[in-house]
């Protein structure tokens, strides 16, 4: 393995760890992927109409 291969593996590993960390942080803070911050809905449209 060359230095470039190792650098690519490290960059991809850090990106994956950051993505997982952000998902866990958003789950702890009860923020959904739609950004409505209700944390208990699975559909954006229903959440927005209730507010």
PDB file of N, CA and C in Angstrom:
ATOM      1  N   UNK A   1       0.841  -1.180   0.000  1.00  0.00           N
ATOM      2  CA  UNK A   1       0.000   0.000   0.000  1.00  0.00           C
ATOM      3  C   UNK A   1       0.884   1.240   0.000  1.00  0.00           C
ATOM      4  N   UNK A   2       0.503   2.156  -0.845  1.00  0.00           N
ATOM      5  CA  UNK A   2       1.272   3.394  -0.918  1.00  0.00           C
ATOM      6  C   UNK A   2       0.694   4.442   0.039  1.00  0.00           C
ATOM      7  N   UNK A   3       1.353   5.539   0.113  1.00  0.00           N
ATOM      8  CA  UNK A   3       0.902   6.620   0.986  1.00  0.00           C
ATOM      9  C   UNK A   3      -0.445   7.188   0.574  1.00  0.00           C
ATOM     10  N   UNK A   4      -0.686   7.196  -0.740  1.00  0.00           N
ATOM     11  CA  UNK A   4      -1.965   7.705  -1.241  1.00  0.00           C
ATOM     12  C   UNK A   4      -3.106   6.793  -0.797  1.00  0.00           C
ATOM     13  N   UNK A   5      -2.912   5.491  -0.861  1.00  0.00           N
ATOM     14  CA  UNK A   5      -3.937   4.539  -0.425  1.00  0.00           C
ATOM     15  C   UNK A   5      -4.260   4.716   1.053  1.00  0.00           C
ATOM     16  N   UNK A   6      -3.239   4.872   1.851  1.00  0.00           N
ATOM     17  CA  UNK A   6      -3.438   5.058   3.287  1.00  0.00           C
ATOM     18  C   UNK A   6      -4.160   6.375   3.555  1.00  0.00           C
ATOM     19  N   UNK A   7      -3.796   7.434   2.842  1.00  0.00           N
ATOM     20  CA  UNK A   7      -4.452   8.729   3.024  1.00  0.00           C
ATOM     21  C   UNK A   7      -5.928   8.652   2.654  1.00  0.00           C
ATOM     22  N   UNK A   8      -6.250   7.952   1.582  1.00  0.00           N
ATOM     23  CA  UNK A   8      -7.649   7.802   1.168  1.00  0.00           C
ATOM     24  C   UNK A   8      -8.433   7.031   2.227  1.00  0.00           C
ATOM     25  N   UNK A   9      -7.856   5.970   2.749  1.00  0.00           N
ATOM     26  CA  UNK A   9      -8.532   5.179   3.783  1.00  0.00           C
ATOM     27  C   UNK A   9      -8.761   6.020   5.034  1.00  0.00           C
ATOM     28  N   UNK A  10      -7.773   6.810   5.425  1.00  0.00           N
ATOM     29  CA  UNK A  10      -7.909   7.652   6.609  1.00  0.00           C
ATOM     30  C   UNK A  10      -8.988   8.713   6.394  1.00  0.00           C
ATOM     31  N   UNK A  11      -8.989   9.357   5.252  1.00  0.00           N
ATOM     32  CA  UNK A  11      -9.989  10.393   4.963  1.00  0.00           C
ATOM     33  C   UNK A  11     -11.397   9.802   4.957  1.00  0.00           C
ATOM     34  N   UNK A  12     -11.574   8.654   4.322  1.00  0.00           N
ATOM     35  CA  UNK A  12     -12.888   8.014   4.295  1.00  0.00           C
ATOM     36  C   UNK A  12     -13.321   7.559   5.687  1.00  0.00           C
ATOM     37  N   UNK A  13     -12.402   7.085   6.473  1.00  0.00           N
ATOM     38  CA  UNK A  13     -12.730   6.667   7.838  1.00  0.00           C
ATOM     39  C   UNK A  13     -13.155   7.852   8.697  1.00  0.00           C
ATOM     40  N   UNK A  14     -12.456   8.964   8.575  1.00  0.00           N
ATOM     41  CA  UNK A  14     -12.808  10.159   9.331  1.00  0.00           C
ATOM     42  C   UNK A  14     -14.160  10.697   8.885  1.00  0.00           C
ATOM     43  N   UNK A  15     -14.429  10.689   7.592  1.00  0.00           N
ATOM     44  CA  UNK A  15     -15.716  11.157   7.082  1.00  0.00           C
ATOM     45  C   UNK A  15     -16.849  10.268   7.587  1.00  0.00           C
ATOM     46  N   UNK A  16     -16.647   8.970   7.591  1.00  0.00           N
ATOM     47  CA  UNK A  16     -17.661   8.043   8.089  1.00  0.00           C
ATOM     48  C   UNK A  16     -17.903   8.250   9.580  1.00  0.00           C
ATOM     49  N   UNK A  17     -16.829   8.387  10.350  1.00  0.00           N
ATOM     50  CA  UNK A  17     -16.965   8.606  11.790  1.00  0.00           C
ATOM     51  C   UNK A  17     -17.674   9.932  12.075  1.00  0.00           C
ATOM     52  N   UNK A  18     -17.386  10.962  11.295  1.00  0.00           N
ATOM     53  CA  UNK A  18     -18.055  12.255  11.476  1.00  0.00           C
ATOM     54  C   UNK A  18     -19.548  12.137  11.157  1.00  0.00           C
ATOM     55  N   UNK A  19     -19.892  11.427  10.105  1.00  0.00           N
ATOM     56  CA  UNK A  19     -21.297  11.256   9.743  1.00  0.00           C
ATOM     57  C   UNK A  19     -22.053  10.503  10.833  1.00  0.00           C
ATOM     58  N   UNK A  20     -21.465   9.452  11.357  1.00  0.00           N
ATOM     59  CA  UNK A  20     -22.101   8.690  12.437  1.00  0.00           C
ATOM     60  C   UNK A  20     -22.216   9.552  13.690  1.00  0.00           C
ATOM     61  N   UNK A  21     -21.191  10.316  13.993  1.00  0.00           N
ATOM     62  CA  UNK A  21     -21.224  11.194  15.152  1.00  0.00           C
ATOM     63  C   UNK A  21     -22.305  12.250  15.047  1.00  0.00           C
ATOM     64  N   UNK A  22     -22.468  12.828  13.876  1.00  0.00           N
ATOM     65  CA  UNK A  22     -23.512  13.828  13.668  1.00  0.00           C
ATOM     66  C   UNK A  22     -24.887  13.203  13.809  1.00  0.00           C
ATOM     67  N   UNK A  23     -25.073  12.004  13.277  1.00  0.00           N
ATOM     68  CA  UNK A  23     -26.364  11.315  13.402  1.00  0.00           C
ATOM     69  C   UNK A  23     -26.687  11.035  14.870  1.00  0.00           C
ATOM     70  N   UNK A  24     -25.707  10.600  15.627  1.00  0.00           N
ATOM     71  CA  UNK A  24     -25.925  10.317  17.050  1.00  0.00           C
ATOM     72  C   UNK A  24     -26.224  11.604  17.799  1.00  0.00           C
ATOM     73  N   UNK A  25     -25.489  12.679  17.503  1.00  0.00           N
ATOM     74  CA  UNK A  25     -25.712  13.959  18.161  1.00  0.00           C
ATOM     75  C   UNK A  25     -27.121  14.476  17.870  1.00  0.00           C
ATOM     76  N   UNK A  26     -27.557  14.377  16.605  1.00  0.00           N
ATOM     77  CA  UNK A  26     -28.899  14.835  16.256  1.00  0.00           C
ATOM     78  C   UNK A  26     -29.964  13.983  16.941  1.00  0.00           C
ATOM     79  N   UNK A  27     -29.707  12.694  17.106  1.00  0.00           N
ATOM     80  CA  UNK A  27     -30.650  11.819  17.792  1.00  0.00           C
ATOM     81  C   UNK A  27     -30.752  12.205  19.270  1.00  0.00           C
ATOM     82  N   UNK A  28     -29.628  12.505  19.891  1.00  0.00           N
ATOM     83  CA  UNK A  28     -29.631  12.899  21.299  1.00  0.00           C
ATOM     84  C   UNK A  28     -30.345  14.236  21.478  1.00  0.00           C
ATOM     85  N   UNK A  29     -30.156  15.152  20.555  1.00  0.00           N
ATOM     86  CA  UNK A  29     -30.774  16.469  20.647  1.00  0.00           C
ATOM     87  C   UNK A  29     -32.211  16.468  20.118  1.00  0.00           C
ATOM     88  N   UNK A  30     -32.728  15.314  19.712  1.00  0.00           N
ATOM     89  CA  UNK A  30     -34.095  15.149  19.202  1.00  0.00           C
ATOM     90  C   UNK A  30     -34.365  16.007  17.973  1.00  0.00           C
ATOM     91  N   UNK A  31     -33.416  16.042  17.077  1.00  0.00           N
ATOM     92  CA  UNK A  31     -33.610  16.760  15.828  1.00  0.00           C
ATOM     93  C   UNK A  31     -33.793  15.744  14.715  1.00  0.00           C
ATOM     94  N   UNK A  32     -34.846  15.904  13.957  1.00  0.00           N
ATOM     95  CA  UNK A  32     -35.092  14.977  12.866  1.00  0.00           C
ATOM     96  C   UNK A  32     -34.287  15.385  11.646  1.00  0.00           C
ATOM     97  N   UNK A  33     -34.280  14.551  10.646  1.00  0.00           N
ATOM     98  CA  UNK A  33     -33.511  14.848   9.444  1.00  0.00           C
ATOM     99  C   UNK A  33     -34.148  15.966   8.638  1.00  0.00           C
ATOM    100  N   UNK A  34     -35.441  16.241   8.870  1.00  0.00           N
ATOM    101  CA  UNK A  34     -36.113  17.294   8.108  1.00  0.00           C
ATOM    102  C   UNK A  34     -35.840  18.680   8.682  1.00  0.00           C
ATOM    103  N   UNK A  35     -35.315  18.746   9.912  1.00  0.00           N
ATOM    104  CA  UNK A  35     -34.983  20.023  10.503  1.00  0.00           C
ATOM    105  C   UNK A  35     -36.119  20.665  11.275  1.00  0.00           C
ATOM    106  N   UNK A  36     -37.205  19.929  11.504  1.00  0.00           N
ATOM    107  CA  UNK A  36     -38.347  20.514  12.200  1.00  0.00           C
ATOM    108  C   UNK A  36     -38.163  20.474  13.709  1.00  0.00           C
ATOM    109  N   UNK A  37     -37.180  19.769  14.206  1.00  0.00           N
ATOM    110  CA  UNK A  37     -36.815  19.692  15.617  1.00  0.00           C
ATOM    111  C   UNK A  37     -37.872  19.067  16.515  1.00  0.00           C
ATOM    112  N   UNK A  38     -38.842  18.368  15.948  1.00  0.00           N
ATOM    113  CA  UNK A  38     -39.824  17.726  16.819  1.00  0.00           C
ATOM    114  C   UNK A  38     -39.297  16.380  17.302  1.00  0.00           C
ATOM    115  N   UNK A  39     -38.523  15.697  16.477  1.00  0.00           N
ATOM    116  CA  UNK A  39     -37.867  14.468  16.876  1.00  0.00           C
ATOM    117  C   UNK A  39     -38.763  13.263  17.011  1.00  0.00           C
ATOM    118  N   UNK A  40     -40.055  13.399  16.756  1.00  0.00           N
ATOM    119  CA  UNK A  40     -40.929  12.241  16.909  1.00  0.00           C
ATOM    120  C   UNK A  40     -41.784  11.974  15.685  1.00  0.00           C
ATOM    121  N   UNK A  41     -41.457  12.566  14.586  1.00  0.00           N
ATOM    122  CA  UNK A  41     -42.234  12.312  13.378  1.00  0.00           C
ATOM    123  C   UNK A  41     -41.360  11.646  12.322  1.00  0.00           C
ATOM    124  N   UNK A  42     -42.007  10.942  11.430  1.00  0.00           N
ATOM    125  CA  UNK A  42     -41.271  10.325  10.341  1.00  0.00           C
ATOM    126  C   UNK A  42     -41.584  11.001   9.018  1.00  0.00           C
ATOM    127  N   UNK A  43     -42.560  11.898   9.019  1.00  0.00           N
ATOM    128  CA  UNK A  43     -42.933  12.584   7.783  1.00  0.00           C
ATOM    129  C   UNK A  43     -42.894  14.092   7.999  1.00  0.00           C
ATOM    130  N   UNK A  44     -42.137  14.765   7.189  1.00  0.00           N
ATOM    131  CA  UNK A  44     -41.998  16.220   7.301  1.00  0.00           C
ATOM    132  C   UNK A  44     -43.327  16.941   7.111  1.00  0.00           C
ATOM    133  N   UNK A  45     -44.094  16.528   6.127  1.00  0.00           N
ATOM    134  CA  UNK A  45     -45.328  17.232   5.809  1.00  0.00           C
ATOM    135  C   UNK A  45     -46.308  17.229   6.976  1.00  0.00           C
ATOM    136  N   UNK A  46     -46.467  16.109   7.632  1.00  0.00           N
ATOM    137  CA  UNK A  46     -47.390  16.038   8.757  1.00  0.00           C
ATOM    138  C   UNK A  46     -46.910  16.916   9.905  1.00  0.00           C
ATOM    139  N   UNK A  47     -45.620  16.933  10.149  1.00  0.00           N
ATOM    140  CA  UNK A  47     -45.061  17.724  11.251  1.00  0.00           C
ATOM    141  C   UNK A  47     -45.264  19.217  10.990  1.00  0.00           C
ATOM    142  N   UNK A  48     -45.052  19.650   9.782  1.00  0.00           N
ATOM    143  CA  UNK A  48     -45.181  21.072   9.472  1.00  0.00           C
ATOM    144  C   UNK A  48     -46.621  21.543   9.534  1.00  0.00           C
ATOM    145  N   UNK A  49     -47.574  20.687   9.165  1.00  0.00           N
ATOM    146  CA  UNK A  49     -48.971  21.107   9.205  1.00  0.00           C
ATOM    147  C   UNK A  49     -49.507  21.144  10.623  1.00  0.00           C
ATOM    148  N   UNK A  50     -48.952  20.352  11.531  1.00  0.00           N
ATOM    149  CA  UNK A  50     -49.405  20.367  12.919  1.00  0.00           C
ATOM    150  C   UNK A  50     -48.977  21.640  13.633  1.00  0.00           C
ATOM    151  N   UNK A  51     -47.881  22.221  13.227  1.00  0.00           N
ATOM    152  CA  UNK A  51     -47.394  23.429  13.883  1.00  0.00           C
ATOM    153  C   UNK A  51     -48.090  24.593  13.281  1.00  0.00           C
TER     154      UNK A  51
END
